[in-house]
Amino acid sequence: MQRANLDEEHLDTAFWLNIFTGILLTIVGISFSGVVANLFKQPQLEPLIQFSALSLLVGGMTSIQQAMLRRR
């Protein structure tokens, strides 16, 4: 069930939590991209995994705004 009214503080907290989570997951993805590429014996995967990890950061930046648009 959703709240009828959202406080600005809740939105700010959710936004910053998403940002920090996105940063953390992006760092982990970039850090382990070489390990994953070696695991699959496909060195060309490393830059693809690194680039894909950036989408986690972008997703974290936009998720609250998208949810607010859907809610309206």
C-alpha atoms as a PDB file:
ATOM      1  CA  MET A   1       0.000   0.000   0.000  1.00  0.00           C
ATOM      2  CA  GLN A   2       1.257   3.469  -0.877  1.00  0.00           C
ATOM      3  CA  ARG A   3       1.105   6.544   1.267  1.00  0.00           C
ATOM      4  CA  ALA A   4      -1.378   9.151   0.149  1.00  0.00           C
ATOM      5  CA  ASN A   5       1.157  11.941   0.731  1.00  0.00           C
ATOM      6  CA  LEU A   6       4.914  11.707   0.528  1.00  0.00           C
ATOM      7  CA  ASP A   7       7.162  13.862   2.634  1.00  0.00           C
ATOM      8  CA  GLU A   8      10.079  15.570   0.951  1.00  0.00           C
ATOM      9  CA  GLU A   9      12.348  13.944   3.529  1.00  0.00           C
ATOM     10  CA  HIS A  10      11.284  10.449   2.410  1.00  0.00           C
ATOM     11  CA  LEU A  11      11.983  11.282  -1.226  1.00  0.00           C
ATOM     12  CA  ASP A  12      15.379  12.764  -0.389  1.00  0.00           C
ATOM     13  CA  THR A  13      16.338   9.732   1.697  1.00  0.00           C
ATOM     14  CA  ALA A  14      15.297   7.302  -1.027  1.00  0.00           C
ATOM     15  CA  PHE A  15      17.159   9.326  -3.673  1.00  0.00           C
ATOM     16  CA  TRP A  16      20.430   9.452  -1.750  1.00  0.00           C
ATOM     17  CA  LEU A  17      20.189   5.803  -0.763  1.00  0.00           C
ATOM     18  CA  ASN A  18      19.773   4.898  -4.434  1.00  0.00           C
ATOM     19  CA  ILE A  19      22.739   7.082  -5.379  1.00  0.00           C
ATOM     20  CA  PHE A  20      25.044   5.504  -2.790  1.00  0.00           C
ATOM     21  CA  THR A  21      23.880   1.996  -3.681  1.00  0.00           C
ATOM     22  CA  GLY A  22      24.443   2.720  -7.370  1.00  0.00           C
ATOM     23  CA  ILE A  23      27.946   4.025  -6.667  1.00  0.00           C
ATOM     24  CA  LEU A  24      28.784   0.998  -4.549  1.00  0.00           C
ATOM     25  CA  LEU A  25      27.492  -1.485  -7.123  1.00  0.00           C
ATOM     26  CA  THR A  26      29.257   0.357  -9.944  1.00  0.00           C
ATOM     27  CA  ILE A  27      32.559   0.181  -8.068  1.00  0.00           C
ATOM     28  CA  VAL A  28      32.052  -3.528  -7.380  1.00  0.00           C
ATOM     29  CA  GLY A  29      31.139  -4.179 -11.018  1.00  0.00           C
ATOM     30  CA  ILE A  30      34.167  -2.331 -12.349  1.00  0.00           C
ATOM     31  CA  SER A  31      36.485  -3.905  -9.767  1.00  0.00           C
ATOM     32  CA  PHE A  32      35.427  -7.460 -10.526  1.00  0.00           C
ATOM     33  CA  SER A  33      35.087  -7.096 -14.293  1.00  0.00           C
ATOM     34  CA  GLY A  34      38.553  -8.565 -14.863  1.00  0.00           C
ATOM     35  CA  VAL A  35      37.836 -11.515 -12.594  1.00  0.00           C
ATOM     36  CA  VAL A  36      34.565 -12.282 -14.375  1.00  0.00           C
ATOM     37  CA  ALA A  37      36.187 -11.938 -17.801  1.00  0.00           C
ATOM     38  CA  ASN A  38      38.956 -14.329 -16.748  1.00  0.00           C
ATOM     39  CA  LEU A  39      36.438 -16.747 -15.269  1.00  0.00           C
ATOM     40  CA  PHE A  40      34.748 -17.044 -18.660  1.00  0.00           C
ATOM     41  CA  LYS A  41      38.101 -16.907 -20.486  1.00  0.00           C
ATOM     42  CA  GLN A  42      36.797 -13.968 -22.505  1.00  0.00           C
ATOM     43  CA  PRO A  43      39.062 -10.935 -21.987  1.00  0.00           C
ATOM     44  CA  GLN A  44      36.916  -8.819 -24.316  1.00  0.00           C
ATOM     45  CA  LEU A  45      34.158  -8.958 -21.684  1.00  0.00           C
ATOM     46  CA  GLU A  46      36.038  -6.709 -19.268  1.00  0.00           C
ATOM     47  CA  PRO A  47      35.253  -3.344 -20.914  1.00  0.00           C
ATOM     48  CA  LEU A  48      31.663  -4.461 -21.574  1.00  0.00           C
ATOM     49  CA  ILE A  49      31.130  -5.325 -17.915  1.00  0.00           C
ATOM     50  CA  GLN A  50      32.689  -2.026 -16.858  1.00  0.00           C
ATOM     51  CA  PHE A  51      30.438  -0.063 -19.190  1.00  0.00           C
ATOM     52  CA  SER A  52      27.388  -2.036 -18.073  1.00  0.00           C
ATOM     53  CA  ALA A  53      28.235  -1.330 -14.435  1.00  0.00           C
ATOM     54  CA  LEU A  54      27.741   2.373 -15.121  1.00  0.00           C
ATOM     55  CA  SER A  55      24.071   1.695 -15.856  1.00  0.00           C
ATOM     56  CA  LEU A  56      23.649   0.824 -12.174  1.00  0.00           C
ATOM     57  CA  LEU A  57      24.697   4.341 -11.252  1.00  0.00           C
ATOM     58  CA  VAL A  58      22.436   5.937 -13.847  1.00  0.00           C
ATOM     59  CA  GLY A  59      19.542   3.741 -12.743  1.00  0.00           C
ATOM     60  CA  GLY A  60      20.047   4.841  -9.166  1.00  0.00           C
ATOM     61  CA  MET A  61      19.894   8.481 -10.202  1.00  0.00           C
ATOM     62  CA  THR A  62      16.649   8.142 -12.118  1.00  0.00           C
ATOM     63  CA  SER A  63      14.577   5.587 -10.233  1.00  0.00           C
ATOM     64  CA  ILE A  64      12.912   7.990  -7.789  1.00  0.00           C
ATOM     65  CA  GLN A  65      11.978  10.440 -10.539  1.00  0.00           C
ATOM     66  CA  GLN A  66      10.522   7.616 -12.648  1.00  0.00           C
ATOM     67  CA  ALA A  67       8.522   6.332  -9.693  1.00  0.00           C
ATOM     68  CA  MET A  68       7.130   9.805  -9.033  1.00  0.00           C
ATOM     69  CA  LEU A  69       6.088  10.171 -12.678  1.00  0.00           C
ATOM     70  CA  ARG A  70       4.353   6.780 -12.594  1.00  0.00           C
ATOM     71  CA  ARG A  71       2.628   7.700  -9.352  1.00  0.00           C
ATOM     72  CA  ARG A  72       1.215  10.917 -10.816  1.00  0.00           C
END
